[in-house]
Protein backbone atom coordinates (compact mmCIF):
# COMPACT_ATOMS: atom_id res chain seq x y z
CA MET A 1 -11.51 8.90 0.28
CA ARG A 2 -10.81 11.45 -2.46
CA ASP A 3 -7.37 12.32 -3.82
CA GLY A 4 -5.69 14.58 -1.32
CA ASP A 5 -7.92 13.71 1.65
CA THR A 6 -6.05 12.71 4.77
CA MET A 7 -6.77 10.74 7.92
CA MET A 8 -6.12 12.45 11.26
CA GLY A 9 -6.66 10.31 14.34
CA GLY A 10 -9.02 8.07 12.37
CA GLU A 11 -11.10 11.01 11.05
CA MET A 12 -11.18 12.36 7.51
CA THR A 13 -9.92 15.85 6.94
CA GLY A 14 -9.87 17.93 3.81
CA PRO A 15 -7.22 17.75 1.13
CA GLU A 16 -3.61 18.43 1.99
CA PRO A 17 -2.79 21.88 0.60
CA HIS A 18 -0.05 20.65 -1.75
CA CYS A 19 -2.18 17.70 -2.96
CA GLN A 20 -4.71 20.04 -4.52
CA ASP A 21 -2.14 21.25 -7.02
CA PHE A 22 0.36 18.40 -7.28
CA VAL A 23 -1.48 15.10 -6.91
CA ALA A 24 1.67 13.11 -7.75
CA ASP A 25 3.34 14.60 -4.65
CA CYS A 26 0.52 13.59 -2.30
CA ARG A 27 1.62 11.77 0.85
CA LEU A 28 -1.11 9.18 0.37
CA ARG A 29 0.14 8.45 -3.15
CA ALA A 30 3.70 8.09 -1.85
CA ALA A 31 2.54 5.67 0.84
CA THR A 32 0.41 3.53 -1.47
CA ASP A 33 3.25 3.39 -4.00
CA LEU A 34 5.14 1.32 -1.41
CA PHE A 35 2.84 -1.56 -2.39
CA ALA A 36 3.14 -1.06 -6.15
CA HIS A 37 5.95 -3.60 -6.48
CA THR A 38 4.88 -7.16 -5.70
CA TRP A 39 8.00 -8.21 -3.82
CA ASP A 40 8.62 -5.09 -1.71
CA PRO A 41 6.09 -5.94 1.04
CA VAL A 42 7.35 -9.53 1.03
CA VAL A 43 10.94 -8.35 1.59
CA LEU A 44 9.78 -6.05 4.39
CA ALA A 45 7.85 -8.88 6.05
CA ALA A 46 10.87 -11.19 5.77
CA LEU A 47 12.93 -8.65 7.74
CA ARG A 48 10.33 -8.31 10.50
CA GLU A 49 12.18 -10.75 12.77
CA GLY A 50 15.50 -8.94 12.40
CA ALA A 51 18.48 -8.25 10.16
CA ARG A 52 19.37 -10.80 7.51
CA ARG A 53 22.10 -11.36 5.02
CA ARG A 54 21.09 -11.33 1.38
CA ARG A 55 21.30 -15.12 0.91
CA ALA A 56 19.25 -15.79 4.06
CA LEU A 57 16.71 -13.21 2.92
CA ARG A 58 16.38 -14.82 -0.51
CA THR A 59 16.03 -18.27 1.06
CA ALA A 60 13.39 -17.05 3.52
CA ILE A 61 11.34 -15.50 0.73
CA GLY A 62 11.62 -18.29 -1.84
CA GLY A 63 10.67 -17.78 -5.47
CA ILE A 64 12.36 -14.39 -5.84
CA SER A 65 15.14 -14.00 -8.38
CA ASP A 66 18.43 -12.38 -7.45
CA LYS A 67 17.74 -9.51 -9.87
CA VAL A 68 14.30 -8.81 -8.42
CA LEU A 69 15.66 -8.97 -4.86
CA THR A 70 18.37 -6.46 -5.79
CA GLU A 71 15.79 -4.09 -7.29
CA SER A 72 13.52 -4.43 -4.28
CA LEU A 73 16.34 -3.81 -1.80
CA ARG A 74 17.40 -0.69 -3.73
CA ARG A 75 13.85 0.72 -3.73
CA LEU A 76 13.35 0.02 -0.04
CA LEU A 77 16.73 1.53 0.86
CA ALA A 78 15.93 4.63 -1.21
CA SER A 79 12.58 4.96 0.58
CA GLY A 80 14.25 4.89 3.98
CA LEU A 81 12.52 1.64 4.97
CA LEU A 82 15.70 -0.46 5.13
CA GLU A 83 19.26 0.05 6.17
CA ARG A 84 22.29 -1.76 4.80
CA ARG A 85 24.89 -2.72 7.38
CA ALA A 86 28.34 -3.57 6.03
CA HIS A 87 30.57 -5.27 8.60
CA PRO A 88 34.33 -4.78 8.14
CA GLU A 89 35.23 -8.46 7.91
CA VAL A 90 36.97 -10.71 5.44
CA PRO A 91 35.03 -11.79 3.51
CA PRO A 92 32.72 -8.77 3.79
CA ARG A 93 29.38 -9.36 5.50
CA VAL A 94 26.36 -7.25 4.60
CA GLU A 95 23.01 -7.36 6.37
CA TYR A 96 19.72 -5.65 5.68
CA ALA A 97 17.40 -4.50 8.44
CA LEU A 98 14.24 -2.47 8.87
CA THR A 99 14.67 1.15 9.89
CA GLY A 100 12.27 2.68 12.39
CA LEU A 101 10.20 3.88 9.45
CA GLY A 102 10.18 0.40 7.93
CA ARG A 103 9.22 -1.21 11.23
CA SER A 104 6.35 1.26 11.64
CA LEU A 105 5.04 0.22 8.20
CA VAL A 106 5.42 -3.52 8.87
CA GLU A 107 3.89 -3.43 12.35
CA GLY A 108 1.23 -0.87 11.45
CA PRO A 109 -0.50 -0.82 8.05
CA MET A 110 0.98 -4.10 6.80
CA ALA A 111 -0.15 -5.93 9.95
CA VAL A 112 -3.66 -4.49 9.58
CA LEU A 113 -3.73 -5.44 5.88
CA GLY A 114 -2.53 -8.94 6.79
CA ARG A 115 -5.35 -9.37 9.31
CA TRP A 116 -7.84 -8.11 6.73
CA ALA A 117 -6.49 -10.57 4.14
CA VAL A 118 -6.87 -13.48 6.56
CA GLU A 119 -10.42 -12.42 7.40
CA HIS A 120 -11.60 -11.54 3.88
CA GLY A 121 -9.15 -13.30 1.54
CA ASP A 122 -11.58 -16.03 0.52
CA GLU A 123 -14.25 -13.47 -0.34
CA LEU A 124 -11.75 -11.49 -2.38
CA LEU A 125 -10.57 -14.52 -4.35
CA GLU A 126 -14.13 -15.70 -4.95
CA ALA A 127 -15.14 -12.28 -6.29
CA GLN A 128 -12.13 -12.23 -8.61
CA GLU A 129 -12.98 -15.72 -9.89
CA ARG A 130 -16.61 -14.69 -10.54
CA ALA A 131 -15.42 -11.64 -12.47
CA GLN A 132 -13.34 -13.87 -14.77
CA GLU A 133 -16.28 -16.17 -15.64
């Protein structure tokens, strides 16, 4: 796939008109950037089962610092993949949940990538180890 090419119904098409001139604005680039931050897909996957409070989310993920979780949540909220629900209670209760867009990413491309990783993960790791020898 070349920069700017798109997939339509599983078939390659030519470049998107705006991608020819402004590669940084390409839809494919925007979509692949969602995986540029290590923890973002992990946070999305942790919300697959439903809304969670911040502490429960951090516990479910394990190994993520509070600062990194905050940064990840902000990026995912800004991308429209998560929503923040503040409940008017004392003390305040805030939950994070996938939006429809976020759910489509988790149940679509991320699920396919997960299946690929299960099927080919050993091959991938072995190739990386050979490259380091």
